[in-house]
C-alpha atoms as a PDB file:
ATOM      1  CA  MET A   1     106.037 104.519 166.266  1.00  0.00           C
ATOM      2  CA  THR A   2     109.332 103.291 167.749  1.00  0.00           C
ATOM      3  CA  MET A   3     109.379  99.677 168.943  1.00  0.00           C
ATOM      4  CA  LEU A   4     111.251  98.604 172.075  1.00  0.00           C
ATOM      5  CA  VAL A   5     111.816  94.922 172.843  1.00  0.00           C
ATOM      6  CA  VAL A   6     111.803  94.325 176.594  1.00  0.00           C
ATOM      7  CA  GLY A   7     113.083  91.002 177.916  1.00  0.00           C
ATOM      8  CA  MET A   8     111.846  89.658 181.218  1.00  0.00           C
ATOM      9  CA  PRO A   9     114.662  88.104 183.304  1.00  0.00           C
ATOM     10  CA  GLY A  10     115.799  84.775 181.835  1.00  0.00           C
ATOM     11  CA  ASN A  11     114.668  85.705 178.319  1.00  0.00           C
ATOM     12  CA  GLU A  12     117.671  87.806 177.312  1.00  0.00           C
ATOM     13  CA  LEU A  13     118.960  85.580 174.495  1.00  0.00           C
ATOM     14  CA  PHE A  14     115.640  85.261 172.692  1.00  0.00           C
ATOM     15  CA  ALA A  15     114.731  88.913 173.281  1.00  0.00           C
ATOM     16  CA  THR A  16     118.024  90.388 172.051  1.00  0.00           C
ATOM     17  CA  SER A  17     117.894  88.233 168.927  1.00  0.00           C
ATOM     18  CA  LEU A  18     114.289  89.279 168.296  1.00  0.00           C
ATOM     19  CA  ALA A  19     115.239  92.940 168.672  1.00  0.00           C
ATOM     20  CA  ASN A  20     118.015  92.490 166.123  1.00  0.00           C
ATOM     21  CA  HIS A  21     115.632  90.875 163.634  1.00  0.00           C
ATOM     22  CA  LEU A  22     113.049  93.624 164.140  1.00  0.00           C
ATOM     23  CA  GLY A  23     115.615  96.419 163.998  1.00  0.00           C
ATOM     24  CA  ALA A  24     114.455  97.557 167.436  1.00  0.00           C
ATOM     25  CA  ASP A  25     116.171  98.684 170.637  1.00  0.00           C
ATOM     26  CA  TYR A  26     116.354  96.269 173.561  1.00  0.00           C
ATOM     27  CA  VAL A  27     116.326  96.481 177.361  1.00  0.00           C
ATOM     28  CA  THR A  28     115.824  94.023 180.212  1.00  0.00           C
ATOM     29  CA  VAL A  29     113.275  94.619 182.949  1.00  0.00           C
ATOM     30  CA  ALA A  30     114.947  94.841 186.346  1.00  0.00           C
ATOM     31  CA  GLU A  31     113.341  92.503 188.866  1.00  0.00           C
ATOM     32  CA  HIS A  32     113.835  92.565 192.632  1.00  0.00           C
ATOM     33  CA  ARG A  33     112.617  89.844 194.979  1.00  0.00           C
ATOM     34  CA  PHE A  34     111.977  90.893 198.563  1.00  0.00           C
ATOM     35  CA  PRO A  35     112.690  88.498 201.461  1.00  0.00           C
ATOM     36  CA  ASP A  36     108.992  87.643 201.632  1.00  0.00           C
ATOM     37  CA  GLU A  37     109.165  86.674 197.906  1.00  0.00           C
ATOM     38  CA  GLU A  38     107.102  89.606 196.663  1.00  0.00           C
ATOM     39  CA  VAL A  39     108.469  91.050 193.424  1.00  0.00           C
ATOM     40  CA  LEU A  40     109.200  94.559 192.176  1.00  0.00           C
ATOM     41  CA  VAL A  41     109.811  95.354 188.485  1.00  0.00           C
ATOM     42  CA  ARG A  42     111.470  98.452 187.042  1.00  0.00           C
ATOM     43  CA  PHE A  43     112.075  99.732 183.520  1.00  0.00           C
ATOM     44  CA  PRO A  44     115.666 101.008 183.125  1.00  0.00           C
ATOM     45  CA  ARG A  45     114.798 103.781 180.647  1.00  0.00           C
ATOM     46  CA  LYS A  46     111.965 106.051 179.560  1.00  0.00           C
ATOM     47  CA  ILE A  47     109.357 104.288 177.411  1.00  0.00           C
ATOM     48  CA  GLU A  48     106.819 107.042 176.826  1.00  0.00           C
ATOM     49  CA  ASN A  49     105.146 106.814 173.372  1.00  0.00           C
ATOM     50  CA  LEU A  50     106.969 103.561 172.567  1.00  0.00           C
ATOM     51  CA  ASP A  51     105.492 100.318 171.245  1.00  0.00           C
ATOM     52  CA  ILE A  52     106.568  97.805 173.894  1.00  0.00           C
ATOM     53  CA  VAL A  53     107.189  94.152 173.033  1.00  0.00           C
ATOM     54  CA  LEU A  54     107.576  92.126 176.228  1.00  0.00           C
ATOM     55  CA  VAL A  55     109.364  88.791 175.816  1.00  0.00           C
ATOM     56  CA  CYS A  56     108.685  86.062 178.366  1.00  0.00           C
ATOM     57  CA  THR A  57     108.491  82.345 177.689  1.00  0.00           C
ATOM     58  CA  LEU A  58     105.970  80.768 180.041  1.00  0.00           C
ATOM     59  CA  ASP A  59     107.261  77.359 181.020  1.00  0.00           C
ATOM     60  CA  ARG A  60     107.096  76.900 184.832  1.00  0.00           C
ATOM     61  CA  PRO A  61     104.706  79.843 184.636  1.00  0.00           C
ATOM     62  CA  ASP A  62     103.443  80.579 188.116  1.00  0.00           C
ATOM     63  CA  ASN A  63     106.504  82.593 189.222  1.00  0.00           C
ATOM     64  CA  LYS A  64     106.650  84.422 185.892  1.00  0.00           C
ATOM     65  CA  ILE A  65     103.091  85.579 185.280  1.00  0.00           C
ATOM     66  CA  LEU A  66     102.748  88.113 188.088  1.00  0.00           C
ATOM     67  CA  PRO A  67     106.020  89.958 187.266  1.00  0.00           C
ATOM     68  CA  LEU A  68     104.945  89.915 183.615  1.00  0.00           C
ATOM     69  CA  LEU A  69     101.579  91.485 184.449  1.00  0.00           C
ATOM     70  CA  PHE A  70     103.313  94.064 186.656  1.00  0.00           C
ATOM     71  CA  ALA A  71     105.640  94.904 183.733  1.00  0.00           C
ATOM     72  CA  ALA A  72     102.698  95.303 181.343  1.00  0.00           C
ATOM     73  CA  GLY A  73     100.849  97.550 183.785  1.00  0.00           C
ATOM     74  CA  THR A  74     103.951  99.595 184.529  1.00  0.00           C
ATOM     75  CA  ALA A  75     104.589 100.098 180.814  1.00  0.00           C
ATOM     76  CA  ARG A  76     101.130 101.623 180.438  1.00  0.00           C
ATOM     77  CA  GLN A  77     101.661 103.756 183.556  1.00  0.00           C
ATOM     78  CA  LEU A  78     104.909 105.072 182.039  1.00  0.00           C
ATOM     79  CA  GLY A  79     103.164 106.106 178.821  1.00  0.00           C
ATOM     80  CA  ALA A  80     103.737 103.218 176.409  1.00  0.00           C
ATOM     81  CA  LYS A  81     101.460 103.406 173.367  1.00  0.00           C
ATOM     82  CA  ARG A  82     100.886  99.662 173.119  1.00  0.00           C
ATOM     83  CA  VAL A  83     102.081  96.642 175.070  1.00  0.00           C
ATOM     84  CA  GLY A  84     102.389  93.275 173.351  1.00  0.00           C
ATOM     85  CA  LEU A  85     103.775  89.953 174.510  1.00  0.00           C
ATOM     86  CA  VAL A  86     105.950  87.424 172.730  1.00  0.00           C
ATOM     87  CA  ALA A  87     105.612  84.206 174.741  1.00  0.00           C
ATOM     88  CA  PRO A  88     107.630  81.647 172.751  1.00  0.00           C
ATOM     89  CA  TYR A  89     106.020  78.931 174.896  1.00  0.00           C
ATOM     90  CA  LEU A  90     102.445  79.574 176.015  1.00  0.00           C
ATOM     91  CA  CYS A  91     101.261  77.959 179.227  1.00  0.00           C
ATOM     92  CA  TYR A  92      97.870  76.772 180.482  1.00  0.00           C
ATOM     93  CA  MET A  93      96.540  75.553 177.132  1.00  0.00           C
ATOM     94  CA  ARG A  94      96.130  71.947 178.352  1.00  0.00           C
ATOM     95  CA  GLN A  95      92.990  72.347 180.465  1.00  0.00           C
ATOM     96  CA  ASP A  96      90.484  73.484 177.823  1.00  0.00           C
ATOM     97  CA  LYS A  97      87.345  71.774 179.170  1.00  0.00           C
ATOM     98  CA  VAL A  98      85.887  70.458 182.412  1.00  0.00           C
ATOM     99  CA  PHE A  99      86.945  66.827 182.778  1.00  0.00           C
ATOM    100  CA  HIS A 100      85.715  66.454 186.370  1.00  0.00           C
ATOM    101  CA  GLU A 101      83.081  68.441 188.206  1.00  0.00           C
ATOM    102  CA  GLY A 102      84.366  71.618 189.814  1.00  0.00           C
ATOM    103  CA  GLU A 103      87.476  72.032 187.656  1.00  0.00           C
ATOM    104  CA  ALA A 104      88.627  75.347 186.234  1.00  0.00           C
ATOM    105  CA  ILE A 105      88.905  75.746 182.458  1.00  0.00           C
ATOM    106  CA  SER A 106      92.393  77.182 182.832  1.00  0.00           C
ATOM    107  CA  ALA A 107      92.971  77.962 179.156  1.00  0.00           C
ATOM    108  CA  ARG A 108      90.045  80.365 178.951  1.00  0.00           C
ATOM    109  CA  LEU A 109      90.721  81.974 182.339  1.00  0.00           C
ATOM    110  CA  PHE A 110      94.396  82.513 181.487  1.00  0.00           C
ATOM    111  CA  ALA A 111      93.543  83.952 178.058  1.00  0.00           C
ATOM    112  CA  LYS A 112      91.062  86.371 179.669  1.00  0.00           C
ATOM    113  CA  ILE A 113      93.693  87.643 182.122  1.00  0.00           C
ATOM    114  CA  MET A 114      96.236  88.167 179.338  1.00  0.00           C
ATOM    115  CA  SER A 115      93.656  89.886 177.120  1.00  0.00           C
ATOM    116  CA  GLN A 116      92.816  92.363 179.876  1.00  0.00           C
ATOM    117  CA  ASN A 117      96.449  93.420 180.288  1.00  0.00           C
ATOM    118  CA  LEU A 118      97.956  93.298 176.779  1.00  0.00           C
ATOM    119  CA  ASP A 119      97.225  94.693 173.325  1.00  0.00           C
ATOM    120  CA  TRP A 120      98.395  91.597 171.439  1.00  0.00           C
ATOM    121  CA  ILE A 121     100.177  88.297 171.964  1.00  0.00           C
ATOM    122  CA  ALA A 122     102.380  86.075 169.809  1.00  0.00           C
ATOM    123  CA  THR A 123     103.482  82.518 170.549  1.00  0.00           C
ATOM    124  CA  ALA A 124     104.986  79.540 168.732  1.00  0.00           C
ATOM    125  CA  GLU A 125     103.031  76.354 168.060  1.00  0.00           C
ATOM    126  CA  PRO A 126     100.503  76.630 170.922  1.00  0.00           C
ATOM    127  CA  HIS A 127      99.393  73.273 172.301  1.00  0.00           C
ATOM    128  CA  LEU A 128      95.725  73.411 171.287  1.00  0.00           C
ATOM    129  CA  HIS A 129      93.212  70.565 171.403  1.00  0.00           C
ATOM    130  CA  ARG A 130      89.480  71.268 171.497  1.00  0.00           C
ATOM    131  CA  ILE A 131      90.185  74.993 171.155  1.00  0.00           C
ATOM    132  CA  HIS A 132      91.232  75.237 167.521  1.00  0.00           C
ATOM    133  CA  THR A 133      92.625  78.768 167.321  1.00  0.00           C
ATOM    134  CA  LEU A 134      93.885  81.331 169.806  1.00  0.00           C
ATOM    135  CA  HIS A 135      91.215  83.748 168.582  1.00  0.00           C
ATOM    136  CA  GLU A 136      88.565  81.559 170.219  1.00  0.00           C
ATOM    137  CA  ILE A 137      89.823  82.428 173.705  1.00  0.00           C
ATOM    138  CA  PHE A 138      91.829  85.666 173.419  1.00  0.00           C
ATOM    139  CA  GLY A 139      90.079  89.013 173.157  1.00  0.00           C
ATOM    140  CA  ILE A 140      93.133  90.632 171.533  1.00  0.00           C
ATOM    141  CA  PRO A 141      95.059  89.903 168.313  1.00  0.00           C
ATOM    142  CA  ALA A 142      96.783  86.551 168.893  1.00  0.00           C
ATOM    143  CA  ILE A 143      99.473  85.219 166.550  1.00  0.00           C
ATOM    144  CA  ALA A 144     100.295  81.510 166.399  1.00  0.00           C
ATOM    145  CA  VAL A 145     103.739  81.276 164.792  1.00  0.00           C
ATOM    146  CA  ARG A 146     104.468  78.124 162.821  1.00  0.00           C
ATOM    147  CA  ALA A 147     107.763  76.323 163.432  1.00  0.00           C
ATOM    148  CA  ASP A 148     107.448  73.787 160.594  1.00  0.00           C
ATOM    149  CA  LYS A 149     109.810  75.610 158.204  1.00  0.00           C
ATOM    150  CA  ALA A 150     112.611  75.951 160.758  1.00  0.00           C
ATOM    151  CA  ILE A 151     112.230  72.308 161.799  1.00  0.00           C
ATOM    152  CA  ALA A 152     112.064  71.076 158.210  1.00  0.00           C
ATOM    153  CA  ASP A 153     115.207  73.045 157.328  1.00  0.00           C
ATOM    154  CA  TRP A 154     117.100  71.446 160.239  1.00  0.00           C
ATOM    155  CA  ILE A 155     115.973  67.894 159.446  1.00  0.00           C
ATOM    156  CA  GLY A 156     116.743  68.425 155.762  1.00  0.00           C
ATOM    157  CA  ARG A 157     120.306  69.446 156.634  1.00  0.00           C
ATOM    158  CA  GLU A 158     121.048  67.024 159.467  1.00  0.00           C
ATOM    159  CA  VAL A 159     119.172  63.755 158.820  1.00  0.00           C
ATOM    160  CA  GLN A 160     119.679  61.448 155.871  1.00  0.00           C
ATOM    161  CA  ASN A 161     116.639  59.714 154.380  1.00  0.00           C
ATOM    162  CA  PRO A 162     114.249  60.636 157.218  1.00  0.00           C
ATOM    163  CA  LEU A 163     110.898  59.089 158.090  1.00  0.00           C
ATOM    164  CA  LEU A 164     108.908  61.424 160.312  1.00  0.00           C
ATOM    165  CA  ILE A 165     107.013  59.799 163.170  1.00  0.00           C
ATOM    166  CA  GLY A 166     104.137  61.532 164.958  1.00  0.00           C
ATOM    167  CA  PRO A 167     103.485  60.047 168.408  1.00  0.00           C
ATOM    168  CA  ASP A 168      99.724  60.731 168.342  1.00  0.00           C
ATOM    169  CA  SER A 169      96.856  61.768 166.079  1.00  0.00           C
ATOM    170  CA  GLU A 170      97.095  65.379 167.264  1.00  0.00           C
ATOM    171  CA  SER A 171     100.488  65.637 165.568  1.00  0.00           C
ATOM    172  CA  ALA A 172      99.198  64.593 162.126  1.00  0.00           C
ATOM    173  CA  GLN A 173      98.557  67.998 160.553  1.00  0.00           C
ATOM    174  CA  TRP A 174     101.752  69.499 161.934  1.00  0.00           C
ATOM    175  CA  LEU A 175     103.761  66.422 160.923  1.00  0.00           C
ATOM    176  CA  GLU A 176     102.377  66.517 157.391  1.00  0.00           C
ATOM    177  CA  ALA A 177     103.428  70.149 156.974  1.00  0.00           C
ATOM    178  CA  VAL A 178     107.034  69.365 157.947  1.00  0.00           C
ATOM    179  CA  ALA A 179     107.123  66.256 155.741  1.00  0.00           C
ATOM    180  CA  ALA A 180     105.791  68.201 152.770  1.00  0.00           C
ATOM    181  CA  ARG A 181     108.566  70.777 153.097  1.00  0.00           C
ATOM    182  CA  ILE A 182     111.230  68.056 153.190  1.00  0.00           C
ATOM    183  CA  GLY A 183     109.579  65.762 150.662  1.00  0.00           C
ATOM    184  CA  CYS A 184     109.791  62.689 152.887  1.00  0.00           C
ATOM    185  CA  PRO A 185     107.263  60.105 154.167  1.00  0.00           C
ATOM    186  CA  PHE A 186     105.639  60.196 157.589  1.00  0.00           C
ATOM    187  CA  ALA A 187     103.665  57.915 159.892  1.00  0.00           C
ATOM    188  CA  VAL A 188     101.343  58.767 162.765  1.00  0.00           C
ATOM    189  CA  LEU A 189     101.019  56.549 165.822  1.00  0.00           C
ATOM    190  CA  THR A 190      98.064  56.442 168.201  1.00  0.00           C
ATOM    191  CA  LYS A 191      98.359  57.268 171.890  1.00  0.00           C
ATOM    192  CA  GLU A 192      96.351  56.396 174.976  1.00  0.00           C
ATOM    193  CA  ARG A 193      97.170  58.409 178.092  1.00  0.00           C
ATOM    194  CA  ARG A 194      96.326  56.653 181.347  1.00  0.00           C
ATOM    195  CA  GLY A 195      97.911  59.202 183.683  1.00  0.00           C
ATOM    196  CA  ASP A 196     100.446  62.011 183.798  1.00  0.00           C
ATOM    197  CA  ASP A 197     103.328  59.509 183.542  1.00  0.00           C
ATOM    198  CA  HIS A 198     101.604  56.547 181.855  1.00  0.00           C
ATOM    199  CA  VAL A 199     101.217  56.561 178.074  1.00  0.00           C
ATOM    200  CA  ILE A 200     100.596  53.697 175.626  1.00  0.00           C
ATOM    201  CA  VAL A 201     101.569  54.176 171.960  1.00  0.00           C
ATOM    202  CA  SER A 202     100.664  51.927 169.030  1.00  0.00           C
ATOM    203  CA  GLN A 203     103.174  49.772 167.160  1.00  0.00           C
ATOM    204  CA  ILE A 204     104.584  50.556 163.717  1.00  0.00           C
ATOM    205  CA  ALA A 205     105.015  48.074 160.880  1.00  0.00           C
ATOM    206  CA  PRO A 206     108.680  47.177 160.168  1.00  0.00           C
ATOM    207  CA  GLN A 207     108.260  47.671 156.406  1.00  0.00           C
ATOM    208  CA  VAL A 208     107.422  51.336 156.972  1.00  0.00           C
ATOM    209  CA  LEU A 209     110.901  51.886 158.404  1.00  0.00           C
ATOM    210  CA  ALA A 210     112.859  50.194 155.630  1.00  0.00           C
ATOM    211  CA  SER A 211     116.005  52.185 154.731  1.00  0.00           C
ATOM    212  CA  ARG A 212     114.806  55.190 156.701  1.00  0.00           C
ATOM    213  CA  THR A 213     116.084  57.202 159.668  1.00  0.00           C
ATOM    214  CA  PRO A 214     113.176  57.584 162.104  1.00  0.00           C
ATOM    215  CA  VAL A 215     112.607  61.096 163.414  1.00  0.00           C
ATOM    216  CA  ILE A 216     110.030  61.477 166.190  1.00  0.00           C
ATOM    217  CA  LEU A 217     108.418  64.915 166.137  1.00  0.00           C
ATOM    218  CA  ASP A 218     106.494  66.268 169.106  1.00  0.00           C
ATOM    219  CA  ASP A 219     105.397  69.771 170.015  1.00  0.00           C
ATOM    220  CA  VAL A 220     105.752  69.650 173.807  1.00  0.00           C
ATOM    221  CA  ILE A 221     108.191  67.270 175.502  1.00  0.00           C
ATOM    222  CA  SER A 222     107.148  67.341 179.144  1.00  0.00           C
ATOM    223  CA  THR A 223     107.375  64.021 181.017  1.00  0.00           C
ATOM    224  CA  GLY A 224     108.919  62.294 177.991  1.00  0.00           C
ATOM    225  CA  GLN A 225     106.614  59.301 178.305  1.00  0.00           C
ATOM    226  CA  THR A 226     105.128  59.705 174.827  1.00  0.00           C
ATOM    227  CA  ILE A 227     108.624  59.785 173.315  1.00  0.00           C
ATOM    228  CA  LEU A 228     109.717  56.737 175.326  1.00  0.00           C
ATOM    229  CA  GLN A 229     106.730  54.702 174.191  1.00  0.00           C
ATOM    230  CA  ALA A 230     107.147  55.772 170.562  1.00  0.00           C
ATOM    231  CA  SER A 231     110.850  54.842 170.745  1.00  0.00           C
ATOM    232  CA  ALA A 232     109.925  51.435 172.157  1.00  0.00           C
ATOM    233  CA  SER A 233     107.497  50.950 169.273  1.00  0.00           C
ATOM    234  CA  LEU A 234     110.284  51.688 166.803  1.00  0.00           C
ATOM    235  CA  LYS A 235     112.653  49.328 168.620  1.00  0.00           C
ATOM    236  CA  ASN A 236     110.063  46.535 168.409  1.00  0.00           C
ATOM    237  CA  ALA A 237     109.919  47.154 164.663  1.00  0.00           C
ATOM    238  CA  GLY A 238     113.649  46.482 164.429  1.00  0.00           C
ATOM    239  CA  THR A 239     115.093  49.957 164.037  1.00  0.00           C
ATOM    240  CA  GLY A 240     117.763  51.792 165.991  1.00  0.00           C
ATOM    241  CA  LYS A 241     117.323  54.775 168.269  1.00  0.00           C
ATOM    242  CA  PRO A 242     115.416  57.636 166.629  1.00  0.00           C
ATOM    243  CA  VAL A 243     116.285  61.278 166.322  1.00  0.00           C
ATOM    244  CA  VAL A 244     113.888  63.199 168.585  1.00  0.00           C
ATOM    245  CA  VAL A 245     112.811  66.716 167.615  1.00  0.00           C
ATOM    246  CA  GLY A 246     110.598  68.791 169.892  1.00  0.00           C
ATOM    247  CA  VAL A 247     109.306  72.324 169.674  1.00  0.00           C
ATOM    248  CA  HIS A 248     109.030  73.083 173.388  1.00  0.00           C
ATOM    249  CA  ALA A 249     111.710  71.722 175.744  1.00  0.00           C
ATOM    250  CA  VAL A 250     109.664  71.584 178.950  1.00  0.00           C
ATOM    251  CA  PHE A 251     111.454  68.454 180.254  1.00  0.00           C
ATOM    252  CA  ALA A 252     109.810  68.061 183.658  1.00  0.00           C
ATOM    253  CA  ASN A 253     111.888  66.421 186.403  1.00  0.00           C
ATOM    254  CA  ASN A 254     114.271  63.850 184.823  1.00  0.00           C
ATOM    255  CA  ALA A 255     112.486  63.752 181.455  1.00  0.00           C
ATOM    256  CA  TYR A 256     115.490  64.905 179.428  1.00  0.00           C
ATOM    257  CA  ALA A 257     117.688  62.067 180.729  1.00  0.00           C
ATOM    258  CA  LEU A 258     114.944  59.546 179.922  1.00  0.00           C
ATOM    259  CA  VAL A 259     114.426  60.877 176.398  1.00  0.00           C
ATOM    260  CA  GLU A 260     118.163  61.124 175.752  1.00  0.00           C
ATOM    261  CA  SER A 261     118.619  57.466 176.731  1.00  0.00           C
ATOM    262  CA  ALA A 262     116.051  56.411 174.113  1.00  0.00           C
ATOM    263  CA  ALA A 263     117.265  58.651 171.269  1.00  0.00           C
ATOM    264  CA  SER A 264     120.303  58.956 169.038  1.00  0.00           C
ATOM    265  CA  ARG A 265     119.964  62.734 169.309  1.00  0.00           C
ATOM    266  CA  VAL A 266     117.549  65.149 171.010  1.00  0.00           C
ATOM    267  CA  VAL A 267     116.964  68.536 169.388  1.00  0.00           C
ATOM    268  CA  THR A 268     114.544  71.316 170.308  1.00  0.00           C
ATOM    269  CA  THR A 269     113.717  74.835 169.222  1.00  0.00           C
ATOM    270  CA  ASN A 270     114.703  77.803 171.364  1.00  0.00           C
ATOM    271  CA  THR A 271     111.212  78.602 172.702  1.00  0.00           C
ATOM    272  CA  ILE A 272     112.453  77.415 176.123  1.00  0.00           C
ATOM    273  CA  LEU A 273     116.134  77.836 176.950  1.00  0.00           C
ATOM    274  CA  HIS A 274     117.784  74.391 177.106  1.00  0.00           C
ATOM    275  CA  HIS A 275     121.081  72.906 175.974  1.00  0.00           C
ATOM    276  CA  SER A 276     119.194  70.810 173.385  1.00  0.00           C
ATOM    277  CA  ASN A 277     118.205  73.995 171.494  1.00  0.00           C
ATOM    278  CA  ASN A 278     119.477  73.704 167.915  1.00  0.00           C
ATOM    279  CA  ILE A 279     116.592  75.174 165.920  1.00  0.00           C
ATOM    280  CA  ASP A 280     116.175  78.942 165.948  1.00  0.00           C
ATOM    281  CA  ILE A 281     112.597  80.192 165.551  1.00  0.00           C
ATOM    282  CA  VAL A 282     113.335  83.869 166.223  1.00  0.00           C
ATOM    283  CA  PRO A 283     113.298  84.714 162.481  1.00  0.00           C
ATOM    284  CA  CYS A 284     109.831  83.090 162.208  1.00  0.00           C
ATOM    285  CA  VAL A 285     108.527  85.104 165.144  1.00  0.00           C
ATOM    286  CA  ALA A 286     109.988  88.367 163.827  1.00  0.00           C
ATOM    287  CA  ARG A 287     108.487  87.753 160.392  1.00  0.00           C
ATOM    288  CA  ALA A 288     105.061  86.997 161.861  1.00  0.00           C
ATOM    289  CA  ILE A 289     105.126  90.211 163.909  1.00  0.00           C
ATOM    290  CA  ARG A 290     106.108  92.302 160.903  1.00  0.00           C
ATOM    291  CA  GLU A 291     103.356  90.749 158.783  1.00  0.00           C
ATOM    292  CA  GLN A 292     100.564  91.467 161.263  1.00  0.00           C
ATOM    293  CA  SER A 293      99.170  94.872 160.385  1.00  0.00           C
ATOM    294  CA  SER A 294      96.663  94.485 163.238  1.00  0.00           C
ATOM    295  CA  ILE A 295      99.420  94.947 165.798  1.00  0.00           C
END
């Protein structure tokens, strides 16, 4: 079956690179916004009997999801054999339980909607907490692509004598995998979140930092508060500004400026288009897709 990579608007760079790695053809979905802000999508070529791979990263998701679902439904209407989604960043994984009475469990509801409209999904380093694997909430094959090799390769090339710092306990397993690839030490801080923009991070012992370049690793950089507090902890221990490496460059509001002011360098992967992108995970995604016989 012939594969066609189809980029949703704004995803052209990632999608064209993915098509090249997969040896597939590539097109962009045409999208028209009417004056009342309704959206129309259109495929620019015939797709009958093709295996469609939609590419749409889902940061700032609410204006992206409906066109994406329209594209998936239209692909089926036009005779596509299968319709999969590569979402380099996957949204709505945060709310995975009811914290206050009456709340939606957004992660499960979102996964159900996607499962009803797609044949498979692939994403990079999903932000999971109490849900341990994507298979717990998706009713279709769901691939979680690891970014640790790409990140380890970059740190190994660009940072001398690194010490990897995880800003919270949730980062421990991921941090350990990157450190093992590099062969360098790591330390995990503890975090207490007291609000969307209020985070307290534990201190680090000065002796841990001796002769090392601190590298803070985080999966999602959103408000930047976790990074700021971790940087302050390092400063209190007597070190200079750290290198900051993030997987997903969400950077809400002025978060990038705040993080940049506290770091010697800020680097992210290309799951979300941003000028800090220096780590390419497209080869990892392409390899994971090729290795999944289920899709």
